[in-house]
Structure formats: C-alpha cells, structure tokens
Amino acid sequence: MVENGEIDALVPERAWQELARGLMEQTPSRMILALRECGALARILPEVDRLFGVPQPERWHPEIDCGIHTMLGLDYAAAQGYDLPVRFAVLTHDLGKGTTPKEEWPRHIAHEQRSAVLVKPLCQRLRVPNDCRELAMVVARFHGLPHRAWELRPETILKLLLDSDALRQPQRFEQFLQACTADYCGRTGYEYLPFNQADYLRAALHAAAGIDAGAVAKLAGDNPLKIRDKVQEARLEAVVRWHSTAPRTGLVS
C-alpha cells in the first residue's frame, strides 16, 4: 500500500480504527514499529515517526532515543491494562520533541507546549474520538509537571488542577496520572520503580476538592465573580494546609 500510494487513500475512520485496535494489543509497540519499517508510519503518523533518532539527555533517559522512549511508555501502559485514551495519550505526549532544532539536542525546552499544538491537528486528521483527543491534549501540555511534583508550590499545584479540569473531571485526571506514570516508567531501568508523584497529586486533588464550595458561595453573596474568587481562595488554603504536612519523597526526574 505504501509503495503504490494506496496508504494515502486510507479514510481517516479506517486508519483510526486500525490504530485503536493495535494500541489495545498486549504489545502495541510492535504495530508502531511494523508501520515504521514499511514506511506507513511516516504517512499516517509523521509526528510520531520523526521522534525516532531524536536524542534526549541520558541522565534522565538512559534509552536516549525519543521514539524508543515512547514505545517503552506505550508498552508499559498496555502491561498495566490502561484504557485506550491513556495509551493514545502516551503515544502522542512527546510529539514536540520531534520538532526541536538539532542544534538544541538533546534538550527539549518547552516541548510540552509544542506537543499540545501538534496533537490537535493530528486528532482532527484521524478524527480521533473526543475522550482520546481531550486526554491527549491535557497530557501533552502538562505531563512535565508531575515529574517535578515535589518542587511545585501550592499555587502551581492548584493551577495544574484547574487547568487540567481535575476538579470537574477527576476520572480524567486519574487517566492523566496514569499516562504520566507510563511516561516515567517508560525508561530503561525505571520499569519497576514507583511513581510516587502520582499519589502526591491525588492527595492534592483530594484536598482541593474537600472544601464546601456551597458554604463558601453563600458567604460570598450573589456576585458570581466574587463567588468564584472566594471558592478559589478556599481551595488554595486547603492545598496550602495539605502541602505543609504532605511527605515529599522520591527522585525528582
């Protein structure tokens, strides 16, 4: 199909259907590598294809190659039984590293923002379902923060919770943490290490969600903007109290 140009005539719905099936297999990296070997990956998912051969700092990524890291993370997600949105988010979380100028290698400054920019048109092109698209966008944009969870100030933690819509969609935030766990463990030598930062952020969400928003709203009066501000202040106070006693242990990575 690649040699005959038929791959370019593949309708988006069929491409997504086959991709989704492969992602849900026991070792989804085999599909990606097979597509790459025959040249199909460069036609269907060029954003993923160009990750291969791009180096990362060996200190944090012993496997070095961005494409290999993505495959390790993807297979880890499969081994944990994570659902399709999580696996797709892992596949696309680092797309921005494929656009880093060579003179900046192996560093990839601000790759999260570039990843989020690339995920959107990819999802439009393949007509990716909303649940997969929305999680992939959140993971691409924010996956760097959980790795630095111990360093984050309460204000930054609350901003992450708000920007990722964790308070309204806690299940999606759990999927976000699963994808970040796969990102962490998808590195040579990290496969069996605990990603304690995920539990740390789960506790932060619990603290922020624990306030009585209704009671705060009553005290704030009828002004919607004042109500919103007071609720956010109460949430920040809750996160600050939690942060002052929360154990912060583990490697910053």
C-alpha atoms as a PDB file:
ATOM      1  CA  MET A   1       0.000   0.000   0.000  1.00  0.00           C
ATOM      2  CA  VAL A   2       2.872   2.368   0.758  1.00  0.00           C
ATOM      3  CA  GLU A   3       4.692   1.585  -2.488  1.00  0.00           C
ATOM      4  CA  ASN A   4       1.523   2.001  -4.540  1.00  0.00           C
ATOM      5  CA  GLY A   5       0.414   5.148  -2.777  1.00  0.00           C
ATOM      6  CA  GLU A   6      -2.745   3.444  -1.537  1.00  0.00           C
ATOM      7  CA  ILE A   7      -1.888   4.360   2.044  1.00  0.00           C
ATOM      8  CA  ASP A   8      -2.717   7.982   1.240  1.00  0.00           C
ATOM      9  CA  ALA A   9      -6.231   6.989   0.205  1.00  0.00           C
ATOM     10  CA  LEU A  10      -6.974   5.317   3.524  1.00  0.00           C
ATOM     11  CA  VAL A  11     -10.020   7.024   5.030  1.00  0.00           C
ATOM     12  CA  PRO A  12      -9.450   8.592   8.475  1.00  0.00           C
ATOM     13  CA  GLU A  13     -12.073   6.429  10.166  1.00  0.00           C
ATOM     14  CA  ARG A  14     -10.377   3.236   8.965  1.00  0.00           C
ATOM     15  CA  ALA A  15      -6.936   4.493   9.945  1.00  0.00           C
ATOM     16  CA  TRP A  16      -8.150   5.324  13.454  1.00  0.00           C
ATOM     17  CA  GLN A  17      -9.998   2.015  13.767  1.00  0.00           C
ATOM     18  CA  GLU A  18      -6.863   0.027  12.983  1.00  0.00           C
ATOM     19  CA  LEU A  19      -4.670   2.251  15.158  1.00  0.00           C
ATOM     20  CA  ALA A  20      -7.047   1.870  18.107  1.00  0.00           C
ATOM     21  CA  ARG A  21      -7.105  -1.903  17.687  1.00  0.00           C
ATOM     22  CA  GLY A  22      -3.333  -2.055  17.681  1.00  0.00           C
ATOM     23  CA  LEU A  23      -2.997   0.216  20.696  1.00  0.00           C
ATOM     24  CA  MET A  24      -5.177  -2.150  22.706  1.00  0.00           C
ATOM     25  CA  GLU A  25      -2.960  -5.146  21.994  1.00  0.00           C
ATOM     26  CA  GLN A  26      -0.597  -6.618  24.568  1.00  0.00           C
ATOM     27  CA  THR A  27       2.499  -5.083  22.963  1.00  0.00           C
ATOM     28  CA  PRO A  28       1.325  -2.088  20.905  1.00  0.00           C
ATOM     29  CA  SER A  29       4.866  -1.027  20.072  1.00  0.00           C
ATOM     30  CA  ARG A  30       5.025  -3.931  17.599  1.00  0.00           C
ATOM     31  CA  MET A  31       2.359  -2.255  15.477  1.00  0.00           C
ATOM     32  CA  ILE A  32       4.124   1.124  15.526  1.00  0.00           C
ATOM     33  CA  LEU A  33       7.494  -0.412  14.664  1.00  0.00           C
ATOM     34  CA  ALA A  34       5.979  -2.530  11.881  1.00  0.00           C
ATOM     35  CA  LEU A  35       4.321   0.566  10.399  1.00  0.00           C
ATOM     36  CA  ARG A  36       7.603   2.405  10.616  1.00  0.00           C
ATOM     37  CA  GLU A  37       9.566  -0.404   8.967  1.00  0.00           C
ATOM     38  CA  CYS A  38       7.337  -0.418   5.897  1.00  0.00           C
ATOM     39  CA  GLY A  39       7.127   3.377   5.660  1.00  0.00           C
ATOM     40  CA  ALA A  40       3.465   3.607   6.653  1.00  0.00           C
ATOM     41  CA  LEU A  41       4.077   5.419   9.947  1.00  0.00           C
ATOM     42  CA  ALA A  42       5.614   8.384   8.134  1.00  0.00           C
ATOM     43  CA  ARG A  43       2.434   8.678   6.063  1.00  0.00           C
ATOM     44  CA  ILE A  44      -0.156   8.058   8.781  1.00  0.00           C
ATOM     45  CA  LEU A  45       1.570   9.451  11.873  1.00  0.00           C
ATOM     46  CA  PRO A  46       4.539  11.534  10.725  1.00  0.00           C
ATOM     47  CA  GLU A  47       4.561  13.313  14.096  1.00  0.00           C
ATOM     48  CA  VAL A  48       5.370  10.001  15.802  1.00  0.00           C
ATOM     49  CA  ASP A  49       7.716   8.768  13.077  1.00  0.00           C
ATOM     50  CA  ARG A  50      10.057  11.728  13.430  1.00  0.00           C
ATOM     51  CA  LEU A  51      10.615  11.021  17.136  1.00  0.00           C
ATOM     52  CA  PHE A  52      12.882   8.109  16.218  1.00  0.00           C
ATOM     53  CA  GLY A  53      16.523   9.079  16.132  1.00  0.00           C
ATOM     54  CA  VAL A  54      15.996  12.206  18.233  1.00  0.00           C
ATOM     55  CA  PRO A  55      18.172  12.069  21.397  1.00  0.00           C
ATOM     56  CA  GLN A  56      17.270  13.059  24.954  1.00  0.00           C
ATOM     57  CA  PRO A  57      19.564  13.650  27.963  1.00  0.00           C
ATOM     58  CA  GLU A  58      20.940  10.277  29.003  1.00  0.00           C
ATOM     59  CA  ARG A  59      20.808  11.346  32.648  1.00  0.00           C
ATOM     60  CA  TRP A  60      17.008  11.178  32.610  1.00  0.00           C
ATOM     61  CA  HIS A  61      16.516   8.897  29.613  1.00  0.00           C
ATOM     62  CA  PRO A  62      19.006   6.015  29.543  1.00  0.00           C
ATOM     63  CA  GLU A  63      17.293   4.766  26.375  1.00  0.00           C
ATOM     64  CA  ILE A  64      18.182   8.178  24.824  1.00  0.00           C
ATOM     65  CA  ASP A  65      16.029   7.878  21.687  1.00  0.00           C
ATOM     66  CA  CYS A  66      12.658   9.701  21.887  1.00  0.00           C
ATOM     67  CA  GLY A  67      10.932   7.118  19.727  1.00  0.00           C
ATOM     68  CA  ILE A  68      12.157   4.229  21.853  1.00  0.00           C
ATOM     69  CA  HIS A  69      11.025   6.063  25.000  1.00  0.00           C
ATOM     70  CA  THR A  70       7.552   6.424  23.517  1.00  0.00           C
ATOM     71  CA  MET A  71       7.446   2.707  22.700  1.00  0.00           C
ATOM     72  CA  LEU A  72       8.565   1.777  26.216  1.00  0.00           C
ATOM     73  CA  GLY A  73       5.890   4.007  27.717  1.00  0.00           C
ATOM     74  CA  LEU A  74       3.256   2.600  25.394  1.00  0.00           C
ATOM     75  CA  ASP A  75       4.072  -0.997  26.274  1.00  0.00           C
ATOM     76  CA  TYR A  76       4.117  -0.112  29.972  1.00  0.00           C
ATOM     77  CA  ALA A  77       0.615   1.375  29.632  1.00  0.00           C
ATOM     78  CA  ALA A  78      -0.531  -1.825  27.943  1.00  0.00           C
ATOM     79  CA  ALA A  79       1.032  -4.001  30.650  1.00  0.00           C
ATOM     80  CA  GLN A  80      -0.905  -2.043  33.276  1.00  0.00           C
ATOM     81  CA  GLY A  81      -4.157  -2.531  31.384  1.00  0.00           C
ATOM     82  CA  TYR A  82      -4.700   1.189  30.863  1.00  0.00           C
ATOM     83  CA  ASP A  83      -7.581   2.090  28.571  1.00  0.00           C
ATOM     84  CA  LEU A  84      -7.419   3.436  25.024  1.00  0.00           C
ATOM     85  CA  PRO A  85      -7.394   7.182  25.832  1.00  0.00           C
ATOM     86  CA  VAL A  86      -4.400   6.681  28.124  1.00  0.00           C
ATOM     87  CA  ARG A  87      -2.479   4.631  25.560  1.00  0.00           C
ATOM     88  CA  PHE A  88      -3.156   7.163  22.821  1.00  0.00           C
ATOM     89  CA  ALA A  89      -2.047   9.984  25.136  1.00  0.00           C
ATOM     90  CA  VAL A  90       1.211   8.152  25.841  1.00  0.00           C
ATOM     91  CA  LEU A  91       1.774   7.693  22.112  1.00  0.00           C
ATOM     92  CA  THR A  92       1.405  11.437  21.481  1.00  0.00           C
ATOM     93  CA  HIS A  93       2.708  13.027  24.695  1.00  0.00           C
ATOM     94  CA  ASP A  94       6.182  13.924  23.384  1.00  0.00           C
ATOM     95  CA  LEU A  95       5.453  14.960  19.791  1.00  0.00           C
ATOM     96  CA  GLY A  96       7.087  18.345  20.351  1.00  0.00           C
ATOM     97  CA  LYS A  97      10.482  16.710  20.781  1.00  0.00           C
ATOM     98  CA  GLY A  98      10.344  15.795  17.112  1.00  0.00           C
ATOM     99  CA  THR A  99      10.396  19.498  16.210  1.00  0.00           C
ATOM    100  CA  THR A 100      13.312  20.535  18.403  1.00  0.00           C
ATOM    101  CA  PRO A 101      16.100  22.070  16.265  1.00  0.00           C
ATOM    102  CA  LYS A 102      19.116  19.758  16.080  1.00  0.00           C
ATOM    103  CA  GLU A 103      21.401  22.419  17.483  1.00  0.00           C
ATOM    104  CA  GLU A 104      19.403  22.264  20.732  1.00  0.00           C
ATOM    105  CA  TRP A 105      19.630  18.484  21.153  1.00  0.00           C
ATOM    106  CA  PRO A 106      19.492  16.649  23.500  1.00  0.00           C
ATOM    107  CA  ARG A 107      17.494  19.279  25.417  1.00  0.00           C
ATOM    108  CA  HIS A 108      13.865  19.897  24.500  1.00  0.00           C
ATOM    109  CA  ILE A 109      12.857  23.155  26.108  1.00  0.00           C
ATOM    110  CA  ALA A 110       9.096  23.888  26.056  1.00  0.00           C
ATOM    111  CA  HIS A 111       8.383  20.661  24.189  1.00  0.00           C
ATOM    112  CA  GLU A 112       5.127  20.256  26.128  1.00  0.00           C
ATOM    113  CA  GLN A 113       3.583  23.314  24.502  1.00  0.00           C
ATOM    114  CA  ARG A 114       4.755  22.208  21.073  1.00  0.00           C
ATOM    115  CA  SER A 115       3.384  18.727  21.708  1.00  0.00           C
ATOM    116  CA  ALA A 116      -0.061  20.130  22.505  1.00  0.00           C
ATOM    117  CA  VAL A 117      -0.005  22.195  19.324  1.00  0.00           C
ATOM    118  CA  LEU A 118       0.773  19.083  17.260  1.00  0.00           C
ATOM    119  CA  VAL A 119      -1.775  16.816  18.919  1.00  0.00           C
ATOM    120  CA  LYS A 120      -4.761  18.919  17.850  1.00  0.00           C
ATOM    121  CA  PRO A 121      -4.348  18.670  14.050  1.00  0.00           C
ATOM    122  CA  LEU A 122      -3.313  15.017  14.335  1.00  0.00           C
ATOM    123  CA  CYS A 123      -6.596  14.252  16.095  1.00  0.00           C
ATOM    124  CA  GLN A 124      -8.545  16.259  13.547  1.00  0.00           C
ATOM    125  CA  ARG A 125      -6.844  14.439  10.686  1.00  0.00           C
ATOM    126  CA  LEU A 126      -7.645  10.971  12.044  1.00  0.00           C
ATOM    127  CA  ARG A 127     -10.998  12.012  13.529  1.00  0.00           C
ATOM    128  CA  VAL A 128      -9.951  10.773  16.936  1.00  0.00           C
ATOM    129  CA  PRO A 129     -12.847  10.396  19.421  1.00  0.00           C
ATOM    130  CA  ASN A 130     -13.305  13.211  21.913  1.00  0.00           C
ATOM    131  CA  ASP A 131     -12.260  11.262  25.005  1.00  0.00           C
ATOM    132  CA  CYS A 132      -8.937  10.298  23.415  1.00  0.00           C
ATOM    133  CA  ARG A 133      -8.368  13.748  21.940  1.00  0.00           C
ATOM    134  CA  GLU A 134      -9.105  15.666  25.136  1.00  0.00           C
ATOM    135  CA  LEU A 135      -6.907  13.483  27.327  1.00  0.00           C
ATOM    136  CA  ALA A 136      -4.077  13.583  24.791  1.00  0.00           C
ATOM    137  CA  MET A 137      -4.207  17.390  24.811  1.00  0.00           C
ATOM    138  CA  VAL A 138      -4.040  17.532  28.618  1.00  0.00           C
ATOM    139  CA  VAL A 139      -1.202  15.013  28.822  1.00  0.00           C
ATOM    140  CA  ALA A 140       0.818  16.667  26.068  1.00  0.00           C
ATOM    141  CA  ARG A 141       0.552  20.070  27.707  1.00  0.00           C
ATOM    142  CA  PHE A 142       1.062  19.182  31.371  1.00  0.00           C
ATOM    143  CA  HIS A 143       2.967  15.882  31.582  1.00  0.00           C
ATOM    144  CA  GLY A 144       6.173  17.602  32.673  1.00  0.00           C
ATOM    145  CA  LEU A 145       4.701  18.949  35.904  1.00  0.00           C
ATOM    146  CA  PRO A 146       4.030  15.686  37.792  1.00  0.00           C
ATOM    147  CA  HIS A 147       7.671  14.692  37.388  1.00  0.00           C
ATOM    148  CA  ARG A 148       8.558  17.809  39.387  1.00  0.00           C
ATOM    149  CA  ALA A 149       5.702  17.405  41.852  1.00  0.00           C
ATOM    150  CA  TRP A 150       7.929  17.683  44.934  1.00  0.00           C
ATOM    151  CA  GLU A 151       9.176  21.091  43.767  1.00  0.00           C
ATOM    152  CA  LEU A 152       5.800  22.632  42.964  1.00  0.00           C
ATOM    153  CA  ARG A 153       4.401  25.405  45.133  1.00  0.00           C
ATOM    154  CA  PRO A 154       0.775  25.106  46.317  1.00  0.00           C
ATOM    155  CA  GLU A 155      -0.240  27.811  43.835  1.00  0.00           C
ATOM    156  CA  THR A 156       1.284  25.836  40.962  1.00  0.00           C
ATOM    157  CA  ILE A 157      -0.354  22.620  42.085  1.00  0.00           C
ATOM    158  CA  LEU A 158      -3.776  24.269  42.242  1.00  0.00           C
ATOM    159  CA  LYS A 159      -3.217  25.816  38.825  1.00  0.00           C
ATOM    160  CA  LEU A 160      -2.438  22.360  37.419  1.00  0.00           C
ATOM    161  CA  LEU A 161      -5.655  21.012  38.928  1.00  0.00           C
ATOM    162  CA  LEU A 162      -7.669  23.886  37.476  1.00  0.00           C
ATOM    163  CA  ASP A 163      -6.017  23.935  34.062  1.00  0.00           C
ATOM    164  CA  SER A 164      -6.471  20.181  33.672  1.00  0.00           C
ATOM    165  CA  ASP A 165     -10.086  20.463  34.890  1.00  0.00           C
ATOM    166  CA  ALA A 166      -9.313  17.891  37.578  1.00  0.00           C
ATOM    167  CA  LEU A 167     -11.985  19.148  39.981  1.00  0.00           C
ATOM    168  CA  ARG A 168     -14.777  18.681  37.464  1.00  0.00           C
ATOM    169  CA  GLN A 169     -13.304  15.604  35.779  1.00  0.00           C
ATOM    170  CA  PRO A 170     -11.432  13.621  38.444  1.00  0.00           C
ATOM    171  CA  GLN A 171     -11.612  10.431  36.368  1.00  0.00           C
ATOM    172  CA  ARG A 172      -9.799  12.119  33.505  1.00  0.00           C
ATOM    173  CA  PHE A 173      -7.210  13.442  35.961  1.00  0.00           C
ATOM    174  CA  GLU A 174      -6.680   9.848  37.060  1.00  0.00           C
ATOM    175  CA  GLN A 175      -6.111   8.935  33.406  1.00  0.00           C
ATOM    176  CA  PHE A 176      -3.687  11.851  33.178  1.00  0.00           C
ATOM    177  CA  LEU A 177      -1.720  10.467  36.131  1.00  0.00           C
ATOM    178  CA  GLN A 178      -1.712   7.004  34.539  1.00  0.00           C
ATOM    179  CA  ALA A 179      -0.235   8.444  31.351  1.00  0.00           C
ATOM    180  CA  CYS A 180       2.386  10.316  33.386  1.00  0.00           C
ATOM    181  CA  THR A 181       3.225   7.094  35.215  1.00  0.00           C
ATOM    182  CA  ALA A 182       3.771   5.373  31.863  1.00  0.00           C
ATOM    183  CA  ASP A 183       5.968   8.296  30.810  1.00  0.00           C
ATOM    184  CA  TYR A 184       8.033   7.921  33.990  1.00  0.00           C
ATOM    185  CA  CYS A 185       8.314   4.135  33.850  1.00  0.00           C
ATOM    186  CA  GLY A 186       8.819   4.051  30.085  1.00  0.00           C
ATOM    187  CA  ARG A 187      12.561   4.448  30.504  1.00  0.00           C
ATOM    188  CA  THR A 188      15.322   1.878  30.628  1.00  0.00           C
ATOM    189  CA  GLY A 189      15.801   0.869  34.258  1.00  0.00           C
ATOM    190  CA  TYR A 190      12.665   2.635  35.507  1.00  0.00           C
ATOM    191  CA  GLU A 191      10.161  -0.054  34.586  1.00  0.00           C
ATOM    192  CA  TYR A 192       9.577  -1.234  38.152  1.00  0.00           C
ATOM    193  CA  LEU A 193      10.130   1.970  40.089  1.00  0.00           C
ATOM    194  CA  PRO A 194       7.150   3.576  41.836  1.00  0.00           C
ATOM    195  CA  PHE A 195       5.926   6.915  40.547  1.00  0.00           C
ATOM    196  CA  ASN A 196       5.073   8.332  43.968  1.00  0.00           C
ATOM    197  CA  GLN A 197       4.379  11.736  42.476  1.00  0.00           C
ATOM    198  CA  ALA A 198       1.047  10.415  41.204  1.00  0.00           C
ATOM    199  CA  ASP A 199      -0.148   9.640  44.730  1.00  0.00           C
ATOM    200  CA  TYR A 200       1.105  13.040  45.843  1.00  0.00           C
ATOM    201  CA  LEU A 201      -1.058  14.798  43.251  1.00  0.00           C
ATOM    202  CA  ARG A 202      -4.037  12.565  44.006  1.00  0.00           C
ATOM    203  CA  ALA A 203      -3.797  13.784  47.596  1.00  0.00           C
ATOM    204  CA  ALA A 204      -3.595  17.376  46.384  1.00  0.00           C
ATOM    205  CA  LEU A 205      -6.787  16.925  44.387  1.00  0.00           C
ATOM    206  CA  HIS A 206      -8.492  15.391  47.401  1.00  0.00           C
ATOM    207  CA  ALA A 207      -7.536  18.429  49.492  1.00  0.00           C
ATOM    208  CA  ALA A 208      -8.732  20.933  46.905  1.00  0.00           C
ATOM    209  CA  ALA A 209     -11.977  19.072  46.316  1.00  0.00           C
ATOM    210  CA  GLY A 210     -12.661  18.745  50.028  1.00  0.00           C
ATOM    211  CA  ILE A 211     -13.861  22.289  50.633  1.00  0.00           C
ATOM    212  CA  ASP A 212     -17.552  23.059  50.960  1.00  0.00           C
ATOM    213  CA  ALA A 213     -17.980  25.211  47.843  1.00  0.00           C
ATOM    214  CA  GLY A 214     -21.653  25.764  48.614  1.00  0.00           C
ATOM    215  CA  ALA A 215     -20.931  27.188  52.041  1.00  0.00           C
ATOM    216  CA  VAL A 216     -18.203  29.425  50.643  1.00  0.00           C
ATOM    217  CA  ALA A 217     -20.575  30.654  47.929  1.00  0.00           C
ATOM    218  CA  LYS A 218     -23.203  31.631  50.487  1.00  0.00           C
ATOM    219  CA  LEU A 219     -20.693  33.755  52.375  1.00  0.00           C
ATOM    220  CA  ALA A 220     -19.587  35.453  49.154  1.00  0.00           C
ATOM    221  CA  GLY A 221     -23.023  36.820  48.279  1.00  0.00           C
ATOM    222  CA  ASP A 222     -24.656  36.960  44.859  1.00  0.00           C
ATOM    223  CA  ASN A 223     -21.752  38.242  42.767  1.00  0.00           C
ATOM    224  CA  PRO A 224     -20.643  35.304  40.521  1.00  0.00           C
ATOM    225  CA  LEU A 225     -17.107  36.643  40.156  1.00  0.00           C
ATOM    226  CA  LYS A 226     -16.755  37.120  43.898  1.00  0.00           C
ATOM    227  CA  ILE A 227     -18.084  33.612  44.488  1.00  0.00           C
ATOM    228  CA  ARG A 228     -15.555  32.146  42.063  1.00  0.00           C
ATOM    229  CA  ASP A 229     -12.689  34.052  43.679  1.00  0.00           C
ATOM    230  CA  LYS A 230     -13.699  33.030  47.188  1.00  0.00           C
ATOM    231  CA  VAL A 231     -14.008  29.381  46.195  1.00  0.00           C
ATOM    232  CA  GLN A 232     -10.558  29.502  44.625  1.00  0.00           C
ATOM    233  CA  GLU A 233      -9.152  31.141  47.746  1.00  0.00           C
ATOM    234  CA  ALA A 234     -10.644  28.385  49.881  1.00  0.00           C
ATOM    235  CA  ARG A 235      -9.193  25.736  47.597  1.00  0.00           C
ATOM    236  CA  LEU A 236      -5.770  27.327  47.754  1.00  0.00           C
ATOM    237  CA  GLU A 237      -5.931  27.483  51.535  1.00  0.00           C
ATOM    238  CA  ALA A 238      -6.813  23.786  51.593  1.00  0.00           C
ATOM    239  CA  VAL A 239      -3.898  22.928  49.300  1.00  0.00           C
ATOM    240  CA  VAL A 240      -1.536  25.084  51.387  1.00  0.00           C
ATOM    241  CA  ARG A 241      -2.587  23.247  54.573  1.00  0.00           C
ATOM    242  CA  TRP A 242      -2.128  19.887  52.889  1.00  0.00           C
ATOM    243  CA  HIS A 243       1.202  20.922  51.363  1.00  0.00           C
ATOM    244  CA  SER A 244       2.615  21.952  54.739  1.00  0.00           C
ATOM    245  CA  THR A 245       2.359  18.393  56.066  1.00  0.00           C
ATOM    246  CA  ALA A 246       2.455  16.245  52.915  1.00  0.00           C
ATOM    247  CA  PRO A 247       5.512  13.962  52.667  1.00  0.00           C
ATOM    248  CA  ARG A 248       7.698  14.832  49.703  1.00  0.00           C
ATOM    249  CA  THR A 249       9.939  11.878  48.984  1.00  0.00           C
ATOM    250  CA  GLY A 250      11.363  10.402  45.830  1.00  0.00           C
ATOM    251  CA  LEU A 251      13.631  11.299  42.977  1.00  0.00           C
ATOM    252  CA  VAL A 252      12.985  14.479  41.025  1.00  0.00           C
ATOM    253  CA  SER A 253      13.059  13.305  37.416  1.00  0.00           C
END
